[in-house]
């Protein structure tokens, strides 16, 4: 998975199967394609995928609008541990500033018409993220 792609074309290229991108095609003979038993798998796979990207750094946050504009991306998953470290709060995803940024990000993702996800390690955090608009 790329850490960050500059521009939207490389990002989409890494996420889509041919002919729209350059994602590996080994899945056509693997479990995803029922070990090669799905007829015309490569011709239909792009219509069957849910493409999610992870935002786990300040750099990704700084480019969130550009990421959200990429056609074909269905949602954004926020990784709180790496994100909080990148923001200068290692081991403190519960810091008020980190929480404010997570809330704002979830709301921006949803406003863009994308699904928003979050890794919540406690039930109260899961409830909070759902209240902010997270889907998963």
N, C-alpha and C. Protein backbone atom coordinates (compact mmCIF):
# COMPACT_ATOMS: atom_id res chain seq x y z
N UNK A 1 0.85 -1.17 0.00
CA UNK A 1 0.00 0.00 0.00
C UNK A 1 0.90 1.23 0.00
N UNK A 2 0.63 2.20 -0.90
CA UNK A 2 1.46 3.40 -0.90
C UNK A 2 1.23 4.23 0.35
N UNK A 3 2.30 4.84 0.85
CA UNK A 3 2.17 5.72 2.01
C UNK A 3 1.37 6.95 1.61
N UNK A 4 1.73 7.55 0.50
CA UNK A 4 0.98 8.68 -0.03
C UNK A 4 1.37 8.85 -1.48
N UNK A 5 0.40 9.08 -2.31
CA UNK A 5 0.65 9.29 -3.73
C UNK A 5 0.37 10.75 -4.03
N UNK A 6 1.30 11.40 -4.71
CA UNK A 6 1.03 12.78 -5.10
C UNK A 6 0.18 12.76 -6.36
N UNK A 7 -0.84 13.57 -6.36
CA UNK A 7 -1.77 13.58 -7.47
C UNK A 7 -2.76 12.43 -7.33
N UNK A 8 -3.87 12.55 -8.02
CA UNK A 8 -4.90 11.53 -7.89
C UNK A 8 -4.70 10.37 -8.84
N UNK A 9 -4.05 10.58 -9.96
CA UNK A 9 -3.89 9.50 -10.93
C UNK A 9 -3.10 8.34 -10.36
N UNK A 10 -1.93 8.57 -9.72
CA UNK A 10 -1.21 7.42 -9.15
C UNK A 10 -2.01 6.69 -8.08
N UNK A 11 -2.78 7.40 -7.30
CA UNK A 11 -3.58 6.77 -6.26
C UNK A 11 -4.60 5.83 -6.89
N UNK A 12 -5.32 6.32 -7.88
CA UNK A 12 -6.32 5.48 -8.54
C UNK A 12 -5.65 4.32 -9.26
N UNK A 13 -4.49 4.57 -9.84
CA UNK A 13 -3.77 3.50 -10.53
C UNK A 13 -3.45 2.36 -9.57
N UNK A 14 -3.10 2.69 -8.34
CA UNK A 14 -2.74 1.67 -7.37
C UNK A 14 -3.96 0.93 -6.81
N UNK A 15 -5.13 1.49 -6.94
CA UNK A 15 -6.33 0.90 -6.34
C UNK A 15 -7.20 0.13 -7.32
N UNK A 16 -7.06 0.37 -8.60
CA UNK A 16 -7.97 -0.21 -9.58
C UNK A 16 -7.29 -1.31 -10.39
N UNK A 17 -8.10 -2.28 -10.78
CA UNK A 17 -7.62 -3.35 -11.64
C UNK A 17 -7.64 -2.88 -13.09
N UNK A 18 -6.85 -3.52 -13.95
CA UNK A 18 -6.90 -3.19 -15.37
C UNK A 18 -8.34 -3.34 -15.88
N UNK A 19 -8.79 -2.52 -16.79
CA UNK A 19 -8.03 -1.56 -17.58
C UNK A 19 -7.93 -0.17 -16.95
N UNK A 20 -8.50 0.02 -15.75
CA UNK A 20 -8.51 1.34 -15.13
C UNK A 20 -7.28 1.63 -14.28
N UNK A 21 -6.55 0.60 -13.92
CA UNK A 21 -5.40 0.80 -13.06
C UNK A 21 -4.39 -0.32 -13.22
N UNK A 22 -3.45 -0.34 -12.28
CA UNK A 22 -2.35 -1.29 -12.36
C UNK A 22 -2.28 -2.21 -11.15
N UNK A 23 -3.37 -2.35 -10.44
CA UNK A 23 -3.41 -3.25 -9.29
C UNK A 23 -3.14 -4.67 -9.77
N UNK A 24 -2.48 -5.44 -8.95
CA UNK A 24 -2.14 -6.81 -9.32
C UNK A 24 -3.37 -7.63 -9.67
N UNK A 25 -3.20 -8.56 -10.59
CA UNK A 25 -4.33 -9.36 -11.07
C UNK A 25 -4.28 -10.80 -10.57
N UNK A 26 -3.41 -11.10 -9.63
CA UNK A 26 -3.32 -12.45 -9.11
C UNK A 26 -4.60 -12.95 -8.48
N UNK A 27 -5.46 -12.02 -8.05
CA UNK A 27 -6.72 -12.42 -7.43
C UNK A 27 -7.63 -13.17 -8.39
N UNK A 28 -7.39 -13.03 -9.69
CA UNK A 28 -8.26 -13.70 -10.66
C UNK A 28 -8.16 -15.21 -10.56
N UNK A 29 -7.10 -15.71 -9.95
CA UNK A 29 -6.94 -17.16 -9.76
C UNK A 29 -6.82 -17.51 -8.28
N UNK A 30 -7.19 -16.59 -7.41
CA UNK A 30 -7.06 -16.81 -5.97
C UNK A 30 -8.45 -16.90 -5.32
N UNK A 31 -8.45 -16.86 -4.03
CA UNK A 31 -9.69 -17.01 -3.27
C UNK A 31 -10.76 -16.00 -3.67
N UNK A 32 -10.35 -14.74 -3.94
CA UNK A 32 -11.31 -13.69 -4.29
C UNK A 32 -12.14 -14.07 -5.52
N UNK A 33 -11.56 -14.85 -6.41
CA UNK A 33 -12.26 -15.27 -7.63
C UNK A 33 -12.66 -16.74 -7.55
N UNK A 34 -12.77 -17.22 -6.32
CA UNK A 34 -13.12 -18.63 -6.08
C UNK A 34 -12.17 -19.56 -6.83
N UNK A 35 -10.89 -19.24 -6.70
CA UNK A 35 -9.81 -20.04 -7.27
C UNK A 35 -9.95 -20.17 -8.79
N UNK A 36 -10.37 -19.07 -9.45
CA UNK A 36 -10.46 -19.05 -10.90
C UNK A 36 -11.79 -19.52 -11.45
N UNK A 37 -12.77 -19.77 -10.60
CA UNK A 37 -14.05 -20.30 -11.07
C UNK A 37 -15.08 -19.22 -11.39
N UNK A 38 -14.76 -17.95 -11.18
CA UNK A 38 -15.69 -16.88 -11.56
C UNK A 38 -15.37 -16.49 -13.00
N UNK A 39 -16.32 -16.76 -13.86
CA UNK A 39 -16.13 -16.48 -15.28
C UNK A 39 -16.03 -14.97 -15.51
N UNK A 40 -15.09 -14.57 -16.33
CA UNK A 40 -14.86 -13.15 -16.67
C UNK A 40 -14.61 -12.29 -15.44
N UNK A 41 -13.92 -12.82 -14.47
CA UNK A 41 -13.65 -12.10 -13.22
C UNK A 41 -13.05 -10.73 -13.47
N UNK A 42 -12.01 -10.65 -14.28
CA UNK A 42 -11.32 -9.37 -14.50
C UNK A 42 -12.23 -8.35 -15.18
N UNK A 43 -13.17 -8.80 -15.98
CA UNK A 43 -14.06 -7.87 -16.67
C UNK A 43 -15.08 -7.23 -15.73
N UNK A 44 -15.33 -7.87 -14.59
CA UNK A 44 -16.37 -7.36 -13.69
C UNK A 44 -15.87 -6.93 -12.32
N UNK A 45 -14.61 -7.21 -12.01
CA UNK A 45 -14.13 -6.99 -10.65
C UNK A 45 -14.18 -5.52 -10.22
N UNK A 46 -13.87 -4.59 -11.10
CA UNK A 46 -13.86 -3.18 -10.69
C UNK A 46 -15.24 -2.70 -10.24
N UNK A 47 -16.30 -3.30 -10.78
CA UNK A 47 -17.65 -2.91 -10.37
C UNK A 47 -18.06 -3.54 -9.04
N UNK A 48 -17.27 -4.50 -8.57
CA UNK A 48 -17.62 -5.24 -7.35
C UNK A 48 -16.79 -4.84 -6.14
N UNK A 49 -15.82 -3.98 -6.33
CA UNK A 49 -14.91 -3.63 -5.24
C UNK A 49 -15.38 -2.40 -4.48
N UNK A 50 -15.08 -2.39 -3.21
CA UNK A 50 -15.24 -1.22 -2.37
C UNK A 50 -13.83 -0.73 -2.08
N UNK A 51 -13.48 0.42 -2.61
CA UNK A 51 -12.12 0.93 -2.46
C UNK A 51 -12.04 1.89 -1.28
N UNK A 52 -11.24 1.50 -0.29
CA UNK A 52 -11.02 2.31 0.91
C UNK A 52 -9.56 2.69 1.00
N UNK A 53 -9.29 3.91 1.43
CA UNK A 53 -7.92 4.34 1.68
C UNK A 53 -7.79 4.66 3.17
N UNK A 54 -6.56 4.58 3.66
CA UNK A 54 -6.30 4.87 5.06
C UNK A 54 -5.64 6.24 5.21
N UNK A 55 -6.10 7.00 6.17
CA UNK A 55 -5.48 8.27 6.53
C UNK A 55 -4.88 8.07 7.91
N UNK A 56 -3.55 8.07 7.95
CA UNK A 56 -2.84 7.79 9.20
C UNK A 56 -1.69 8.75 9.45
N UNK A 57 -1.68 9.88 8.73
CA UNK A 57 -0.57 10.82 8.90
C UNK A 57 -1.05 12.25 8.68
N UNK A 58 -0.26 13.19 9.17
CA UNK A 58 -0.55 14.61 8.94
C UNK A 58 -0.52 14.92 7.45
N UNK A 59 0.40 14.30 6.73
CA UNK A 59 0.49 14.51 5.28
C UNK A 59 -0.81 14.10 4.60
N UNK A 60 -1.32 12.95 4.97
CA UNK A 60 -2.58 12.50 4.38
C UNK A 60 -3.72 13.45 4.75
N UNK A 61 -3.76 13.90 6.00
CA UNK A 61 -4.79 14.86 6.42
C UNK A 61 -4.70 16.15 5.63
N UNK A 62 -3.47 16.62 5.42
CA UNK A 62 -3.27 17.86 4.66
C UNK A 62 -3.76 17.72 3.23
N UNK A 63 -3.84 16.50 2.74
CA UNK A 63 -4.27 16.24 1.37
C UNK A 63 -5.63 15.55 1.30
N UNK A 64 -6.39 15.61 2.38
CA UNK A 64 -7.66 14.89 2.44
C UNK A 64 -8.63 15.33 1.36
N UNK A 65 -8.72 16.62 1.07
CA UNK A 65 -9.65 17.07 0.03
C UNK A 65 -9.29 16.47 -1.32
N UNK A 66 -8.01 16.44 -1.63
CA UNK A 66 -7.55 15.85 -2.89
C UNK A 66 -7.87 14.36 -2.93
N UNK A 67 -7.66 13.68 -1.82
CA UNK A 67 -7.96 12.25 -1.74
C UNK A 67 -9.46 12.03 -1.93
N UNK A 68 -10.28 12.84 -1.30
CA UNK A 68 -11.73 12.69 -1.40
C UNK A 68 -12.25 12.96 -2.80
N UNK A 69 -11.51 13.71 -3.59
CA UNK A 69 -11.92 14.01 -4.96
C UNK A 69 -11.61 12.89 -5.95
N UNK A 70 -10.87 11.87 -5.52
CA UNK A 70 -10.50 10.79 -6.43
C UNK A 70 -11.74 9.95 -6.76
N UNK A 71 -12.07 9.92 -8.04
CA UNK A 71 -13.19 9.11 -8.49
C UNK A 71 -12.90 7.64 -8.23
N UNK A 72 -13.88 6.95 -7.71
CA UNK A 72 -13.72 5.52 -7.48
C UNK A 72 -13.39 5.14 -6.05
N UNK A 73 -12.97 6.11 -5.23
CA UNK A 73 -12.72 5.81 -3.82
C UNK A 73 -14.06 5.87 -3.09
N UNK A 74 -14.38 4.79 -2.40
CA UNK A 74 -15.67 4.70 -1.71
C UNK A 74 -15.63 5.20 -0.28
N UNK A 75 -14.46 5.18 0.33
CA UNK A 75 -14.40 5.61 1.72
C UNK A 75 -12.99 5.78 2.22
N UNK A 76 -12.90 6.34 3.42
CA UNK A 76 -11.62 6.63 4.06
C UNK A 76 -11.66 6.07 5.48
N UNK A 77 -10.62 5.33 5.82
CA UNK A 77 -10.46 4.75 7.15
C UNK A 77 -9.41 5.56 7.89
N UNK A 78 -9.73 5.99 9.10
CA UNK A 78 -8.79 6.76 9.91
C UNK A 78 -8.13 5.84 10.93
N UNK A 79 -6.80 5.80 10.90
CA UNK A 79 -6.03 5.02 11.86
C UNK A 79 -5.56 5.92 12.99
N UNK A 80 -6.17 5.85 14.18
CA UNK A 80 -5.90 6.82 15.23
C UNK A 80 -4.51 6.76 15.85
N UNK A 81 -3.92 5.59 15.98
CA UNK A 81 -2.62 5.50 16.65
C UNK A 81 -1.53 6.17 15.83
N UNK A 82 -1.41 5.78 14.56
CA UNK A 82 -0.40 6.41 13.71
C UNK A 82 -0.69 7.88 13.49
N UNK A 83 -1.98 8.21 13.33
CA UNK A 83 -2.35 9.61 13.13
C UNK A 83 -1.96 10.45 14.33
N UNK A 84 -2.26 9.99 15.53
CA UNK A 84 -1.92 10.79 16.71
C UNK A 84 -0.42 10.96 16.84
N UNK A 85 0.35 9.93 16.52
CA UNK A 85 1.81 10.05 16.57
C UNK A 85 2.29 11.07 15.54
N UNK A 86 1.72 11.02 14.35
CA UNK A 86 2.11 11.96 13.29
C UNK A 86 1.77 13.40 13.66
N UNK A 87 0.75 13.57 14.47
CA UNK A 87 0.33 14.92 14.90
C UNK A 87 1.09 15.41 16.12
N UNK A 88 2.00 14.57 16.64
CA UNK A 88 2.80 14.98 17.79
C UNK A 88 2.27 14.50 19.13
N UNK A 89 1.33 13.57 19.10
CA UNK A 89 0.74 13.03 20.32
C UNK A 89 0.87 11.50 20.34
N UNK A 90 2.10 10.98 20.37
CA UNK A 90 2.25 9.52 20.33
C UNK A 90 1.58 8.86 21.54
N UNK A 91 0.97 7.73 21.29
CA UNK A 91 0.26 6.98 22.33
C UNK A 91 -0.84 7.78 23.01
N UNK A 92 -1.41 8.75 22.29
CA UNK A 92 -2.44 9.58 22.91
C UNK A 92 -3.51 9.98 21.89
N UNK A 93 -4.15 8.97 21.30
CA UNK A 93 -5.21 9.24 20.34
C UNK A 93 -6.42 9.90 21.00
N UNK A 94 -6.49 9.85 22.33
CA UNK A 94 -7.58 10.48 23.04
C UNK A 94 -7.35 11.95 23.37
N UNK A 95 -6.19 12.48 22.99
CA UNK A 95 -5.91 13.90 23.25
C UNK A 95 -7.00 14.75 22.60
N UNK A 96 -7.47 15.80 23.28
CA UNK A 96 -8.55 16.63 22.74
C UNK A 96 -8.27 17.16 21.33
N UNK A 97 -7.05 17.55 21.04
CA UNK A 97 -6.74 18.06 19.69
C UNK A 97 -6.86 16.94 18.66
N UNK A 98 -6.38 15.76 18.99
CA UNK A 98 -6.49 14.61 18.08
C UNK A 98 -7.97 14.27 17.86
N UNK A 99 -8.74 14.27 18.93
CA UNK A 99 -10.17 13.98 18.83
C UNK A 99 -10.88 15.02 17.96
N UNK A 100 -10.51 16.28 18.11
CA UNK A 100 -11.11 17.34 17.28
C UNK A 100 -10.80 17.10 15.81
N UNK A 101 -9.56 16.73 15.52
CA UNK A 101 -9.15 16.48 14.14
C UNK A 101 -9.87 15.26 13.58
N UNK A 102 -10.02 14.22 14.38
CA UNK A 102 -10.73 13.03 13.93
C UNK A 102 -12.19 13.36 13.64
N UNK A 103 -12.83 14.10 14.54
CA UNK A 103 -14.22 14.49 14.31
C UNK A 103 -14.36 15.30 13.03
N UNK A 104 -13.51 16.30 12.86
CA UNK A 104 -13.55 17.13 11.66
C UNK A 104 -13.34 16.29 10.41
N UNK A 105 -12.40 15.36 10.48
CA UNK A 105 -12.10 14.51 9.32
C UNK A 105 -13.28 13.62 8.97
N UNK A 106 -13.88 13.00 9.97
CA UNK A 106 -15.05 12.15 9.71
C UNK A 106 -16.16 12.96 9.06
N UNK A 107 -16.40 14.16 9.57
CA UNK A 107 -17.45 15.01 9.00
C UNK A 107 -17.12 15.43 7.57
N UNK A 108 -15.85 15.71 7.29
CA UNK A 108 -15.43 16.07 5.92
C UNK A 108 -15.60 14.89 4.97
N UNK A 109 -15.23 13.72 5.43
CA UNK A 109 -15.36 12.51 4.60
C UNK A 109 -16.82 12.28 4.25
N UNK A 110 -17.68 12.35 5.24
CA UNK A 110 -19.12 12.13 4.99
C UNK A 110 -19.71 13.22 4.11
N UNK A 111 -19.28 14.47 4.30
CA UNK A 111 -19.78 15.58 3.48
C UNK A 111 -19.40 15.38 2.02
N UNK A 112 -18.31 14.66 1.78
CA UNK A 112 -17.87 14.38 0.41
C UNK A 112 -18.61 13.19 -0.19
N UNK A 113 -19.53 12.60 0.58
CA UNK A 113 -20.30 11.48 0.08
C UNK A 113 -19.59 10.14 0.17
N UNK A 114 -18.56 10.08 0.99
CA UNK A 114 -17.79 8.84 1.15
C UNK A 114 -18.09 8.22 2.51
N UNK A 115 -17.82 6.93 2.63
CA UNK A 115 -17.94 6.24 3.91
C UNK A 115 -16.73 6.60 4.77
N UNK A 116 -16.96 6.74 6.07
CA UNK A 116 -15.88 7.05 7.01
C UNK A 116 -15.75 5.91 8.01
N UNK A 117 -14.52 5.45 8.18
CA UNK A 117 -14.26 4.37 9.13
C UNK A 117 -13.22 4.77 10.14
N UNK A 118 -13.23 4.06 11.27
CA UNK A 118 -12.33 4.40 12.37
C UNK A 118 -12.07 3.15 13.19
N UNK A 119 -10.83 2.98 13.64
CA UNK A 119 -10.50 1.88 14.53
C UNK A 119 -10.72 2.32 15.96
N UNK A 120 -11.83 1.90 16.54
CA UNK A 120 -12.15 2.24 17.92
C UNK A 120 -11.86 1.04 18.80
N UNK A 121 -11.03 1.24 19.82
CA UNK A 121 -10.63 0.13 20.68
C UNK A 121 -11.48 0.04 21.95
N UNK A 122 -12.41 0.96 22.10
CA UNK A 122 -13.30 0.94 23.26
C UNK A 122 -14.71 1.29 22.81
N UNK A 123 -15.72 0.70 23.44
CA UNK A 123 -17.10 0.96 23.04
C UNK A 123 -17.49 2.44 23.06
N UNK A 124 -17.01 3.19 24.04
CA UNK A 124 -17.37 4.62 24.10
C UNK A 124 -16.79 5.39 22.93
N UNK A 125 -15.59 5.02 22.49
CA UNK A 125 -14.99 5.68 21.32
C UNK A 125 -15.75 5.31 20.06
N UNK A 126 -16.18 4.07 19.95
CA UNK A 126 -16.98 3.65 18.80
C UNK A 126 -18.27 4.45 18.74
N UNK A 127 -18.94 4.61 19.87
CA UNK A 127 -20.17 5.38 19.92
C UNK A 127 -19.93 6.84 19.54
N UNK A 128 -18.82 7.40 20.00
CA UNK A 128 -18.51 8.79 19.67
C UNK A 128 -18.30 8.96 18.17
N UNK A 129 -17.54 8.04 17.57
CA UNK A 129 -17.29 8.12 16.12
C UNK A 129 -18.57 7.95 15.33
N UNK A 130 -19.43 7.05 15.76
CA UNK A 130 -20.73 6.90 15.09
C UNK A 130 -21.54 8.18 15.20
N UNK A 131 -21.49 8.84 16.35
CA UNK A 131 -22.21 10.10 16.54
C UNK A 131 -21.66 11.19 15.62
N UNK A 132 -20.36 11.13 15.33
CA UNK A 132 -19.75 12.09 14.41
C UNK A 132 -20.05 11.78 12.96
N UNK A 133 -20.58 10.57 12.69
CA UNK A 133 -20.95 10.21 11.33
C UNK A 133 -20.22 9.03 10.75
N UNK A 134 -19.34 8.39 11.50
CA UNK A 134 -18.61 7.24 10.97
C UNK A 134 -19.58 6.12 10.61
N UNK A 135 -19.27 5.41 9.53
CA UNK A 135 -20.08 4.29 9.08
C UNK A 135 -19.60 2.95 9.62
N UNK A 136 -18.30 2.86 9.87
CA UNK A 136 -17.72 1.59 10.31
C UNK A 136 -16.50 1.85 11.15
